Amino acid sequence: MQFEIKSSFTDNVLFTAELSAEYESQSHSVQIGAAVKLAYKADANLRYADLRGADLRDANLRYADLRGANLRYADLRRANLWDADLRDAKLRDADLRGANLRYADLRGANLRYADLRRANLWDADLRGANDEKLTLTSNRPFVQYGPVGSDNDIVYAWGTDRGIYIRRGCFWNTLDKFKAAVESKHGSSNHGNEYRAFIALVEAHFDAFPAEQIQQAAE
């Protein structure tokens, strides 16, 4: 069977995949995931492609050019996105648990509600990521810790031009708002104490690597 990958903005076909007959009974997400893997192997142009909901679990997409691609709701668990170009990609609600995003270019990407638990974001470029288009600062702008809390989740911190921002599940707000939420919900419980330890770590980290260091690194 043939499966067409189209542009997010037009009806232009970017790649036509020849899928085996077994895929005829599979879901759309599985079909588009298989098509993306073939397109990647063929070095096809997937910039600004409509890849919504693609099942790309464990896919090898190292160095893939997915700039501007619509990957909303995509299943990218454990996918290898090492050094991938994901600038301006729509990753809202994507499942990126355990994905390897080391050296990935995520500038301007929409990561709102994306699940990044256990994702490897070491040296990823996250400048301007998320809906609010915050600019990351310092040459070490990212901290993650976990599992933590009652549901063993991961908590993330970003140093931005608007201060330190925290991501914990659906929470996305400033460090001060996070502190208030921890005190309100957890008080002096073990979970509260662990979150306060994380807060102390974050403050120490960004004291050691302040915002002006990104300007020095760029000179």
N, C-alpha and C. Protein backbone atom coordinates (compact mmCIF):
# COMPACT_ATOMS: atom_id res chain seq x y z
N MET A 1 0.83 -1.19 0.00
CA MET A 1 0.00 0.00 0.00
C MET A 1 0.87 1.25 0.00
N GLN A 2 0.33 2.33 -0.54
CA GLN A 2 1.04 3.59 -0.57
C GLN A 2 0.55 4.50 0.57
N PHE A 3 1.48 5.20 1.16
CA PHE A 3 1.13 6.16 2.21
C PHE A 3 1.86 7.45 1.91
N GLU A 4 1.12 8.55 1.87
CA GLU A 4 1.70 9.84 1.53
C GLU A 4 1.92 10.70 2.77
N ILE A 5 3.12 11.25 2.88
CA ILE A 5 3.42 12.24 3.91
C ILE A 5 3.29 13.61 3.24
N LYS A 6 2.42 14.44 3.82
CA LYS A 6 2.15 15.74 3.22
C LYS A 6 2.68 16.88 4.06
N SER A 7 2.73 18.04 3.44
CA SER A 7 3.13 19.26 4.14
C SER A 7 2.05 19.66 5.13
N SER A 8 2.46 20.31 6.21
CA SER A 8 1.50 20.81 7.20
C SER A 8 0.68 21.97 6.67
N PHE A 9 1.17 22.63 5.63
CA PHE A 9 0.54 23.86 5.18
C PHE A 9 -0.17 23.74 3.83
N THR A 10 0.20 22.76 3.05
CA THR A 10 -0.40 22.59 1.72
C THR A 10 -0.72 21.11 1.52
N ASP A 11 -1.26 20.79 0.36
CA ASP A 11 -1.50 19.39 0.03
C ASP A 11 -0.32 18.75 -0.69
N ASN A 12 0.80 19.45 -0.71
CA ASN A 12 1.98 18.91 -1.38
C ASN A 12 2.45 17.63 -0.70
N VAL A 13 2.74 16.63 -1.52
CA VAL A 13 3.24 15.36 -1.01
C VAL A 13 4.76 15.44 -0.90
N LEU A 14 5.27 15.22 0.30
CA LEU A 14 6.72 15.29 0.52
C LEU A 14 7.39 13.95 0.29
N PHE A 15 6.65 12.87 0.56
CA PHE A 15 7.23 11.53 0.38
C PHE A 15 6.09 10.52 0.26
N THR A 16 6.26 9.57 -0.66
CA THR A 16 5.30 8.47 -0.80
C THR A 16 5.99 7.19 -0.40
N ALA A 17 5.46 6.56 0.65
CA ALA A 17 6.06 5.32 1.16
C ALA A 17 5.31 4.11 0.62
N GLU A 18 6.04 3.10 0.26
CA GLU A 18 5.45 1.82 -0.15
C GLU A 18 5.47 0.89 1.06
N LEU A 19 4.32 0.76 1.70
CA LEU A 19 4.23 -0.07 2.90
C LEU A 19 3.71 -1.46 2.53
N SER A 20 4.17 -2.45 3.25
CA SER A 20 3.72 -3.82 3.00
C SER A 20 2.25 -3.97 3.37
N ALA A 21 1.63 -5.03 2.86
CA ALA A 21 0.19 -5.25 3.03
C ALA A 21 -0.22 -5.34 4.50
N GLU A 22 0.70 -5.76 5.34
CA GLU A 22 0.36 -5.91 6.77
C GLU A 22 -0.06 -4.60 7.41
N TYR A 23 0.35 -3.47 6.84
CA TYR A 23 0.01 -2.18 7.42
C TYR A 23 -1.41 -1.74 7.09
N GLU A 24 -2.08 -2.40 6.17
CA GLU A 24 -3.42 -1.99 5.79
C GLU A 24 -4.39 -2.05 6.97
N SER A 25 -4.18 -2.98 7.87
CA SER A 25 -5.07 -3.12 9.03
C SER A 25 -4.58 -2.36 10.25
N GLN A 26 -3.44 -1.67 10.11
CA GLN A 26 -2.87 -0.94 11.24
C GLN A 26 -3.47 0.46 11.35
N SER A 27 -3.28 1.07 12.49
CA SER A 27 -3.80 2.41 12.73
C SER A 27 -3.02 3.44 11.91
N HIS A 28 -3.62 4.62 11.77
CA HIS A 28 -2.97 5.70 11.04
C HIS A 28 -1.63 6.05 11.68
N SER A 29 -1.58 6.04 13.01
CA SER A 29 -0.34 6.40 13.71
C SER A 29 0.79 5.43 13.38
N VAL A 30 0.47 4.14 13.27
CA VAL A 30 1.48 3.14 12.92
C VAL A 30 1.90 3.31 11.47
N GLN A 31 0.94 3.58 10.59
CA GLN A 31 1.25 3.75 9.18
C GLN A 31 2.17 4.96 8.95
N ILE A 32 1.83 6.08 9.58
CA ILE A 32 2.66 7.26 9.36
C ILE A 32 4.03 7.09 10.01
N GLY A 33 4.08 6.38 11.12
CA GLY A 33 5.37 6.10 11.74
C GLY A 33 6.27 5.28 10.83
N ALA A 34 5.70 4.26 10.21
CA ALA A 34 6.46 3.42 9.27
C ALA A 34 6.90 4.23 8.07
N ALA A 35 6.03 5.13 7.60
CA ALA A 35 6.37 5.97 6.45
C ALA A 35 7.52 6.92 6.79
N VAL A 36 7.51 7.47 7.99
CA VAL A 36 8.58 8.38 8.41
C VAL A 36 9.92 7.65 8.45
N LYS A 37 9.93 6.43 8.94
CA LYS A 37 11.17 5.66 9.00
C LYS A 37 11.73 5.41 7.60
N LEU A 38 10.84 5.11 6.64
CA LEU A 38 11.30 4.91 5.26
C LEU A 38 11.79 6.22 4.66
N ALA A 39 11.09 7.32 4.97
CA ALA A 39 11.50 8.62 4.45
C ALA A 39 12.87 9.01 5.00
N TYR A 40 13.09 8.70 6.26
CA TYR A 40 14.38 9.00 6.89
C TYR A 40 15.50 8.22 6.20
N LYS A 41 15.26 6.93 5.95
CA LYS A 41 16.28 6.12 5.27
C LYS A 41 16.55 6.61 3.86
N ALA A 42 15.51 7.18 3.22
CA ALA A 42 15.66 7.68 1.85
C ALA A 42 16.18 9.12 1.82
N ASP A 43 16.46 9.69 3.00
CA ASP A 43 16.94 11.06 3.10
C ASP A 43 15.95 12.04 2.47
N ALA A 44 14.66 11.77 2.67
CA ALA A 44 13.62 12.64 2.12
C ALA A 44 13.50 13.93 2.94
N ASN A 45 12.97 14.95 2.33
CA ASN A 45 12.78 16.23 2.99
C ASN A 45 11.50 16.20 3.82
N LEU A 46 11.63 16.21 5.14
CA LEU A 46 10.48 16.17 6.03
C LEU A 46 10.29 17.48 6.78
N ARG A 47 10.90 18.54 6.27
CA ARG A 47 10.68 19.84 6.90
C ARG A 47 9.21 20.24 6.78
N TYR A 48 8.63 20.68 7.87
CA TYR A 48 7.25 21.14 7.93
C TYR A 48 6.25 20.06 7.52
N ALA A 49 6.63 18.81 7.70
CA ALA A 49 5.74 17.69 7.37
C ALA A 49 4.65 17.54 8.43
N ASP A 50 3.51 17.04 8.00
CA ASP A 50 2.40 16.76 8.91
C ASP A 50 2.59 15.34 9.44
N LEU A 51 3.11 15.22 10.64
CA LEU A 51 3.42 13.92 11.24
C LEU A 51 2.64 13.73 12.55
N ARG A 52 1.49 14.35 12.62
CA ARG A 52 0.70 14.29 13.86
C ARG A 52 0.37 12.85 14.24
N GLY A 53 0.62 12.53 15.50
CA GLY A 53 0.25 11.23 16.04
C GLY A 53 1.11 10.08 15.58
N ALA A 54 2.22 10.34 14.92
CA ALA A 54 3.06 9.26 14.39
C ALA A 54 3.59 8.36 15.51
N ASP A 55 3.52 7.06 15.29
CA ASP A 55 4.09 6.10 16.24
C ASP A 55 5.54 5.88 15.86
N LEU A 56 6.43 6.53 16.60
CA LEU A 56 7.86 6.48 16.31
C LEU A 56 8.65 5.96 17.51
N ARG A 57 8.01 5.08 18.25
CA ARG A 57 8.69 4.48 19.40
C ARG A 57 9.95 3.75 18.95
N ASP A 58 11.06 4.04 19.63
CA ASP A 58 12.36 3.37 19.38
C ASP A 58 12.93 3.67 18.00
N ALA A 59 12.38 4.65 17.29
CA ALA A 59 12.86 4.95 15.94
C ALA A 59 14.26 5.57 15.98
N ASN A 60 15.07 5.25 15.00
CA ASN A 60 16.39 5.86 14.87
C ASN A 60 16.26 7.05 13.92
N LEU A 61 16.24 8.25 14.48
CA LEU A 61 16.11 9.48 13.69
C LEU A 61 17.30 10.41 13.94
N ARG A 62 18.44 9.80 14.17
CA ARG A 62 19.65 10.58 14.44
C ARG A 62 19.98 11.49 13.26
N TYR A 63 20.23 12.75 13.55
CA TYR A 63 20.53 13.79 12.57
C TYR A 63 19.33 14.13 11.66
N ALA A 64 18.15 13.65 11.95
CA ALA A 64 16.99 13.90 11.09
C ALA A 64 16.69 15.39 11.00
N ASP A 65 16.28 15.83 9.81
CA ASP A 65 15.87 17.21 9.60
C ASP A 65 14.36 17.26 9.68
N LEU A 66 13.85 17.65 10.86
CA LEU A 66 12.41 17.72 11.11
C LEU A 66 12.01 19.15 11.47
N ARG A 67 12.72 20.07 10.91
CA ARG A 67 12.45 21.47 11.22
C ARG A 67 11.00 21.83 10.85
N GLY A 68 10.29 22.40 11.81
CA GLY A 68 8.93 22.85 11.56
C GLY A 68 7.91 21.74 11.45
N ALA A 69 8.32 20.49 11.62
CA ALA A 69 7.38 19.37 11.47
C ALA A 69 6.32 19.41 12.57
N ASN A 70 5.11 18.98 12.20
CA ASN A 70 4.02 18.91 13.17
C ASN A 70 4.01 17.51 13.77
N LEU A 71 4.55 17.39 14.97
CA LEU A 71 4.65 16.11 15.66
C LEU A 71 3.75 16.07 16.90
N ARG A 72 2.69 16.84 16.84
CA ARG A 72 1.78 16.87 17.99
C ARG A 72 1.18 15.48 18.22
N TYR A 73 1.17 15.08 19.46
CA TYR A 73 0.66 13.77 19.89
C TYR A 73 1.53 12.60 19.40
N ALA A 74 2.65 12.87 18.80
CA ALA A 74 3.52 11.78 18.32
C ALA A 74 4.06 10.97 19.49
N ASP A 75 4.21 9.68 19.27
CA ASP A 75 4.79 8.78 20.27
C ASP A 75 6.26 8.60 19.92
N LEU A 76 7.12 9.30 20.65
CA LEU A 76 8.56 9.28 20.39
C LEU A 76 9.32 8.66 21.56
N ARG A 77 8.65 7.79 22.28
CA ARG A 77 9.30 7.15 23.41
C ARG A 77 10.57 6.40 22.96
N ARG A 78 11.66 6.71 23.64
CA ARG A 78 12.97 6.06 23.41
C ARG A 78 13.51 6.29 21.99
N ALA A 79 12.94 7.22 21.26
CA ALA A 79 13.45 7.51 19.92
C ALA A 79 14.84 8.14 20.00
N ASN A 80 15.67 7.81 19.03
CA ASN A 80 17.01 8.39 18.97
C ASN A 80 16.96 9.64 18.09
N LEU A 81 16.94 10.81 18.74
CA LEU A 81 16.89 12.09 18.03
C LEU A 81 18.18 12.88 18.26
N TRP A 82 19.26 12.14 18.43
CA TRP A 82 20.58 12.73 18.63
C TRP A 82 20.89 13.72 17.50
N ASP A 83 21.15 14.96 17.84
CA ASP A 83 21.56 15.99 16.89
C ASP A 83 20.50 16.25 15.81
N ALA A 84 19.25 15.93 16.10
CA ALA A 84 18.18 16.17 15.13
C ALA A 84 17.85 17.66 15.07
N ASP A 85 17.42 18.11 13.89
CA ASP A 85 16.99 19.50 13.71
C ASP A 85 15.49 19.56 13.95
N LEU A 86 15.10 20.08 15.12
CA LEU A 86 13.69 20.18 15.49
C LEU A 86 13.31 21.64 15.72
N ARG A 87 14.00 22.53 15.06
CA ARG A 87 13.68 23.94 15.20
C ARG A 87 12.24 24.21 14.77
N ASP A 88 11.53 24.93 15.62
CA ASP A 88 10.14 25.32 15.35
C ASP A 88 9.19 24.14 15.19
N ALA A 89 9.62 22.95 15.59
CA ALA A 89 8.74 21.78 15.49
C ALA A 89 7.60 21.89 16.49
N LYS A 90 6.47 21.34 16.13
CA LYS A 90 5.30 21.33 17.02
C LYS A 90 5.30 19.99 17.75
N LEU A 91 5.75 20.03 18.99
CA LEU A 91 5.85 18.82 19.81
C LEU A 91 4.87 18.87 20.98
N ARG A 92 3.88 19.70 20.85
CA ARG A 92 2.89 19.81 21.92
C ARG A 92 2.20 18.45 22.13
N ASP A 93 2.11 18.03 23.38
CA ASP A 93 1.47 16.77 23.76
C ASP A 93 2.21 15.53 23.25
N ALA A 94 3.42 15.70 22.72
CA ALA A 94 4.19 14.54 22.25
C ALA A 94 4.73 13.75 23.44
N ASP A 95 4.88 12.45 23.25
CA ASP A 95 5.43 11.58 24.29
C ASP A 95 6.90 11.35 23.97
N LEU A 96 7.77 12.00 24.74
CA LEU A 96 9.22 11.92 24.51
C LEU A 96 9.93 11.22 25.67
N ARG A 97 9.19 10.40 26.39
CA ARG A 97 9.80 9.71 27.52
C ARG A 97 10.96 8.83 27.07
N GLY A 98 12.11 9.05 27.68
CA GLY A 98 13.27 8.23 27.37
C GLY A 98 13.92 8.53 26.03
N ALA A 99 13.46 9.57 25.34
CA ALA A 99 14.04 9.90 24.03
C ALA A 99 15.44 10.47 24.20
N ASN A 100 16.29 10.19 23.22
CA ASN A 100 17.65 10.73 23.23
C ASN A 100 17.66 12.00 22.39
N LEU A 101 17.66 13.14 23.06
CA LEU A 101 17.64 14.45 22.39
C LEU A 101 18.98 15.17 22.56
N ARG A 102 20.02 14.41 22.82
CA ARG A 102 21.32 15.05 23.02
C ARG A 102 21.76 15.79 21.75
N TYR A 103 22.18 17.01 21.92
CA TYR A 103 22.62 17.90 20.84
C TYR A 103 21.48 18.29 19.89
N ALA A 104 20.25 17.89 20.17
CA ALA A 104 19.13 18.25 19.29
C ALA A 104 18.92 19.77 19.30
N ASP A 105 18.53 20.29 18.15
CA ASP A 105 18.24 21.71 18.03
C ASP A 105 16.74 21.91 18.19
N LEU A 106 16.33 22.40 19.35
CA LEU A 106 14.92 22.57 19.67
C LEU A 106 14.54 24.04 19.77
N ARG A 107 15.33 24.89 19.14
CA ARG A 107 15.03 26.32 19.21
C ARG A 107 13.65 26.62 18.63
N GLY A 108 12.84 27.31 19.43
CA GLY A 108 11.52 27.70 18.97
C GLY A 108 10.50 26.58 18.95
N ALA A 109 10.88 25.38 19.40
CA ALA A 109 9.94 24.26 19.37
C ALA A 109 8.84 24.46 20.41
N ASN A 110 7.66 23.98 20.09
CA ASN A 110 6.54 24.02 21.04
C ASN A 110 6.53 22.71 21.82
N LEU A 111 6.97 22.78 23.06
CA LEU A 111 7.05 21.59 23.92
C LEU A 111 5.98 21.59 25.00
N ARG A 112 4.97 22.41 24.82
CA ARG A 112 3.93 22.52 25.85
C ARG A 112 3.22 21.18 26.02
N TYR A 113 3.16 20.73 27.25
CA TYR A 113 2.52 19.46 27.63
C TYR A 113 3.25 18.23 27.08
N ALA A 114 4.40 18.40 26.47
CA ALA A 114 5.18 17.24 26.04
C ALA A 114 5.68 16.50 27.27
N ASP A 115 5.73 15.18 27.19
CA ASP A 115 6.22 14.36 28.30
C ASP A 115 7.69 14.08 28.08
N LEU A 116 8.54 14.71 28.89
CA LEU A 116 9.99 14.61 28.73
C LEU A 116 10.65 13.79 29.83
N ARG A 117 9.87 13.00 30.54
CA ARG A 117 10.43 12.19 31.60
C ARG A 117 11.52 11.26 31.08
N ARG A 118 12.67 11.30 31.74
CA ARG A 118 13.83 10.46 31.43
C ARG A 118 14.42 10.75 30.04
N ALA A 119 13.99 11.81 29.41
CA ALA A 119 14.60 12.19 28.13
C ALA A 119 16.00 12.73 28.35
N ASN A 120 16.90 12.44 27.42
CA ASN A 120 18.27 12.94 27.49
C ASN A 120 18.34 14.26 26.73
N LEU A 121 18.41 15.37 27.48
CA LEU A 121 18.45 16.70 26.87
C LEU A 121 19.82 17.34 27.02
N TRP A 122 20.82 16.51 27.27
CA TRP A 122 22.18 17.03 27.46
C TRP A 122 22.66 17.75 26.21
N ASP A 123 23.03 19.01 26.37
CA ASP A 123 23.55 19.84 25.28
C ASP A 123 22.52 20.12 24.20
N ALA A 124 21.24 19.84 24.46
CA ALA A 124 20.19 20.23 23.51
C ALA A 124 20.04 21.74 23.53
N ASP A 125 19.72 22.33 22.38
CA ASP A 125 19.52 23.77 22.29
C ASP A 125 18.04 24.06 22.43
N LEU A 126 17.64 24.60 23.57
CA LEU A 126 16.23 24.83 23.89
C LEU A 126 15.88 26.32 23.88
N ARG A 127 16.73 27.13 23.27
CA ARG A 127 16.44 28.56 23.27
C ARG A 127 15.11 28.86 22.56
N GLY A 128 14.27 29.59 23.25
CA GLY A 128 12.99 29.97 22.65
C GLY A 128 11.97 28.86 22.62
N ALA A 129 12.27 27.71 23.25
CA ALA A 129 11.32 26.61 23.24
C ALA A 129 10.13 26.95 24.13
N ASN A 130 9.00 26.27 23.86
CA ASN A 130 7.73 26.42 24.57
C ASN A 130 6.94 27.62 24.06
N ASP A 131 5.66 27.60 24.35
CA ASP A 131 4.73 28.59 23.80
C ASP A 131 5.13 30.02 24.11
N GLU A 132 5.73 30.23 25.29
CA GLU A 132 5.99 31.59 25.71
C GLU A 132 7.23 32.18 25.06
N LYS A 133 7.92 31.42 24.25
CA LYS A 133 9.09 31.89 23.52
C LYS A 133 10.11 32.52 24.45
N LEU A 134 10.37 31.85 25.56
CA LEU A 134 11.40 32.31 26.48
C LEU A 134 12.77 32.06 25.86
N THR A 135 13.70 32.92 26.20
CA THR A 135 15.07 32.75 25.74
C THR A 135 15.89 32.14 26.86
N LEU A 136 16.51 31.00 26.59
CA LEU A 136 17.34 30.37 27.61
C LEU A 136 18.63 31.15 27.79
N THR A 137 19.09 31.18 29.02
CA THR A 137 20.30 31.93 29.35
C THR A 137 21.30 31.02 30.04
N SER A 138 22.51 31.50 30.16
CA SER A 138 23.66 30.80 30.74
C SER A 138 24.11 29.69 29.81
N ASN A 139 25.35 29.24 30.01
CA ASN A 139 25.85 28.15 29.17
C ASN A 139 25.50 26.78 29.74
N ARG A 140 24.77 26.77 30.85
CA ARG A 140 24.20 25.53 31.39
C ARG A 140 22.77 25.85 31.84
N PRO A 141 21.85 25.95 30.87
CA PRO A 141 20.52 26.51 31.19
C PRO A 141 19.48 25.49 31.63
N PHE A 142 19.87 24.26 31.89
CA PHE A 142 18.86 23.22 32.12
C PHE A 142 19.28 22.29 33.24
N VAL A 143 18.31 21.96 34.13
CA VAL A 143 18.53 21.02 35.22
C VAL A 143 17.33 20.09 35.29
N GLN A 144 17.56 18.80 35.52
CA GLN A 144 16.45 17.88 35.73
C GLN A 144 16.76 16.97 36.90
N TYR A 145 15.68 16.53 37.56
CA TYR A 145 15.85 15.70 38.75
C TYR A 145 14.67 14.75 38.88
N GLY A 146 14.94 13.56 39.34
CA GLY A 146 13.85 12.62 39.58
C GLY A 146 14.31 11.18 39.41
N PRO A 147 13.36 10.27 39.66
CA PRO A 147 11.94 10.51 39.97
C PRO A 147 11.75 11.13 41.34
N VAL A 148 10.66 11.93 41.43
CA VAL A 148 10.39 12.66 42.65
C VAL A 148 8.88 12.75 42.84
N GLY A 149 8.44 12.95 44.08
CA GLY A 149 7.02 13.15 44.34
C GLY A 149 6.24 11.86 44.46
N SER A 150 4.94 11.99 44.69
CA SER A 150 4.08 10.84 44.93
C SER A 150 3.91 9.96 43.71
N ASP A 151 4.08 10.53 42.50
CA ASP A 151 3.91 9.72 41.29
C ASP A 151 5.24 9.48 40.57
N ASN A 152 6.34 9.67 41.26
CA ASN A 152 7.67 9.35 40.71
C ASN A 152 7.92 10.02 39.36
N ASP A 153 7.64 11.30 39.29
CA ASP A 153 7.80 12.04 38.05
C ASP A 153 9.16 12.74 38.02
N ILE A 154 9.48 13.36 36.87
CA ILE A 154 10.70 14.14 36.72
C ILE A 154 10.35 15.61 36.78
N VAL A 155 11.19 16.40 37.44
CA VAL A 155 10.99 17.84 37.50
C VAL A 155 12.15 18.51 36.78
N TYR A 156 11.84 19.57 36.01
CA TYR A 156 12.83 20.24 35.17
C TYR A 156 12.91 21.72 35.53
N ALA A 157 14.08 22.30 35.33
CA ALA A 157 14.26 23.74 35.54
C ALA A 157 15.03 24.33 34.37
N TRP A 158 14.58 25.49 33.89
CA TRP A 158 15.25 26.21 32.82
C TRP A 158 15.61 27.61 33.30
N GLY A 159 16.81 28.05 32.99
CA GLY A 159 17.20 29.43 33.24
C GLY A 159 16.86 30.26 32.02
N THR A 160 15.96 31.22 32.15
CA THR A 160 15.48 31.99 31.01
C THR A 160 15.67 33.49 31.23
N ASP A 161 15.38 34.25 30.19
CA ASP A 161 15.47 35.70 30.29
C ASP A 161 14.39 36.28 31.18
N ARG A 162 13.44 35.46 31.62
CA ARG A 162 12.40 35.91 32.55
C ARG A 162 12.54 35.24 33.92
N GLY A 163 13.70 34.71 34.18
CA GLY A 163 13.94 34.03 35.44
C GLY A 163 13.91 32.53 35.28
N ILE A 164 13.95 31.82 36.38
CA ILE A 164 13.96 30.35 36.37
C ILE A 164 12.54 29.83 36.23
N TYR A 165 12.35 28.94 35.26
CA TYR A 165 11.03 28.32 35.03
C TYR A 165 11.11 26.83 35.35
N ILE A 166 10.01 26.32 35.91
CA ILE A 166 9.93 24.93 36.34
C ILE A 166 8.85 24.20 35.56
N ARG A 167 9.19 22.97 35.16
CA ARG A 167 8.22 22.09 34.52
C ARG A 167 8.07 20.84 35.38
N ARG A 168 6.85 20.59 35.84
CA ARG A 168 6.56 19.39 36.63
C ARG A 168 5.16 18.93 36.24
N GLY A 169 5.08 17.86 35.43
CA GLY A 169 3.78 17.44 34.93
C GLY A 169 3.17 18.54 34.10
N CYS A 170 1.95 18.98 34.46
CA CYS A 170 1.29 20.07 33.75
C CYS A 170 1.69 21.44 34.28
N PHE A 171 2.48 21.47 35.36
CA PHE A 171 2.92 22.75 35.92
C PHE A 171 4.02 23.34 35.04
N TRP A 172 3.86 24.60 34.65
CA TRP A 172 4.88 25.33 33.90
C TRP A 172 4.81 26.78 34.32
N ASN A 173 5.71 27.17 35.22
CA ASN A 173 5.66 28.53 35.73
C ASN A 173 7.01 28.85 36.39
N THR A 174 7.07 30.00 37.02
CA THR A 174 8.32 30.47 37.61
C THR A 174 8.69 29.67 38.85
N LEU A 175 9.95 29.80 39.25
CA LEU A 175 10.43 29.11 40.44
C LEU A 175 9.66 29.58 41.68
N ASP A 176 9.36 30.87 41.76
CA ASP A 176 8.61 31.38 42.91
C ASP A 176 7.22 30.75 42.98
N LYS A 177 6.57 30.61 41.83
CA LYS A 177 5.25 29.97 41.80
C LYS A 177 5.36 28.50 42.20
N PHE A 178 6.45 27.87 41.79
CA PHE A 178 6.67 26.47 42.14
C PHE A 178 6.87 26.33 43.65
N LYS A 179 7.65 27.23 44.23
CA LYS A 179 7.86 27.20 45.67
C LYS A 179 6.53 27.29 46.41
N ALA A 180 5.68 28.21 45.96
CA ALA A 180 4.38 28.39 46.60
C ALA A 180 3.52 27.15 46.46
N ALA A 181 3.58 26.51 45.28
CA ALA A 181 2.79 25.31 45.04
C ALA A 181 3.26 24.16 45.93
N VAL A 182 4.58 24.03 46.10
CA VAL A 182 5.13 22.98 46.96
C VAL A 182 4.67 23.18 48.40
N GLU A 183 4.75 24.41 48.88
CA GLU A 183 4.35 24.68 50.27
C GLU A 183 2.87 24.42 50.47
N SER A 184 2.07 24.81 49.47
CA SER A 184 0.62 24.64 49.58
C SER A 184 0.20 23.18 49.54
N LYS A 185 0.83 22.40 48.66
CA LYS A 185 0.40 21.01 48.46
C LYS A 185 1.09 20.02 49.38
N HIS A 186 2.37 20.25 49.65
CA HIS A 186 3.15 19.23 50.35
C HIS A 186 3.61 19.63 51.76
N GLY A 187 3.66 20.94 52.05
CA GLY A 187 4.05 21.37 53.38
C GLY A 187 5.37 20.77 53.83
N SER A 188 5.37 20.20 55.04
CA SER A 188 6.60 19.65 55.61
C SER A 188 6.72 18.14 55.42
N SER A 189 5.95 17.60 54.48
CA SER A 189 6.00 16.16 54.21
C SER A 189 7.33 15.79 53.56
N ASN A 190 7.57 14.48 53.42
CA ASN A 190 8.79 14.02 52.76
C ASN A 190 8.87 14.53 51.33
N HIS A 191 7.72 14.54 50.63
CA HIS A 191 7.73 15.04 49.27
C HIS A 191 8.08 16.53 49.25
N GLY A 192 7.53 17.27 50.20
CA GLY A 192 7.85 18.69 50.28
C GLY A 192 9.33 18.92 50.54
N ASN A 193 9.90 18.13 51.43
CA ASN A 193 11.33 18.25 51.73
C ASN A 193 12.18 17.93 50.51
N GLU A 194 11.77 16.93 49.74
CA GLU A 194 12.54 16.57 48.55
C GLU A 194 12.45 17.68 47.50
N TYR A 195 11.27 18.24 47.31
CA TYR A 195 11.14 19.35 46.35
C TYR A 195 11.96 20.56 46.79
N ARG A 196 11.98 20.83 48.10
CA ARG A 196 12.79 21.95 48.58
C ARG A 196 14.27 21.70 48.35
N ALA A 197 14.70 20.46 48.46
CA ALA A 197 16.10 20.13 48.14
C ALA A 197 16.39 20.40 46.66
N PHE A 198 15.42 20.06 45.80
CA PHE A 198 15.59 20.33 44.37
C PHE A 198 15.65 21.84 44.13
N ILE A 199 14.80 22.59 44.80
CA ILE A 199 14.80 24.05 44.64
C ILE A 199 16.16 24.63 45.04
N ALA A 200 16.72 24.12 46.15
CA ALA A 200 18.04 24.59 46.59
C ALA A 200 19.11 24.26 45.55
N LEU A 201 19.01 23.07 44.95
CA LEU A 201 19.95 22.67 43.90
C LEU A 201 19.84 23.60 42.70
N VAL A 202 18.62 23.91 42.29
CA VAL A 202 18.40 24.79 41.13
C VAL A 202 18.96 26.17 41.40
N GLU A 203 18.69 26.72 42.58
CA GLU A 203 19.20 28.05 42.91
C GLU A 203 20.72 28.07 42.95
N ALA A 204 21.32 27.01 43.48
CA ALA A 204 22.78 26.94 43.52
C ALA A 204 23.35 26.83 42.12
N HIS A 205 22.68 26.05 41.27
CA HIS A 205 23.15 25.88 39.89
C HIS A 205 23.17 27.20 39.14
N PHE A 206 22.06 27.95 39.22
CA PHE A 206 21.99 29.19 38.44
C PHE A 206 22.73 30.34 39.11
N ASP A 207 23.08 30.18 40.38
CA ASP A 207 24.03 31.12 40.98
C ASP A 207 25.43 30.88 40.41
N ALA A 208 25.75 29.61 40.20
CA ALA A 208 27.07 29.25 39.67
C ALA A 208 27.19 29.54 38.18
N PHE A 209 26.06 29.44 37.45
CA PHE A 209 26.07 29.66 36.00
C PHE A 209 25.00 30.70 35.66
N PRO A 210 25.28 31.96 35.98
CA PRO A 210 24.28 33.02 35.79
C PRO A 210 24.04 33.38 34.33
N ALA A 211 23.03 34.22 34.11
CA ALA A 211 22.59 34.55 32.77
C ALA A 211 23.67 35.18 31.91
N GLU A 212 24.52 36.03 32.51
CA GLU A 212 25.49 36.74 31.70
C GLU A 212 26.52 35.82 31.06
N GLN A 213 26.64 34.58 31.54
CA GLN A 213 27.63 33.66 30.98
C GLN A 213 27.33 33.28 29.53
N ILE A 214 26.06 33.35 29.13
CA ILE A 214 25.75 33.02 27.75
C ILE A 214 26.31 34.10 26.81
N GLN A 215 26.34 35.35 27.30
CA GLN A 215 26.92 36.43 26.51
C GLN A 215 28.42 36.25 26.39
N GLN A 216 29.07 35.84 27.47
CA GLN A 216 30.50 35.60 27.43
C GLN A 216 30.85 34.46 26.49
N ALA A 217 30.03 33.40 26.51
CA ALA A 217 30.29 32.25 25.66
C ALA A 217 30.12 32.59 24.20
N ALA A 218 29.25 33.57 23.89
CA ALA A 218 28.99 33.92 22.50
C ALA A 218 30.04 34.85 21.93
N GLU A 219 30.80 35.50 22.80
CA GLU A 219 31.81 36.46 22.32
C GLU A 219 33.03 35.75 21.73
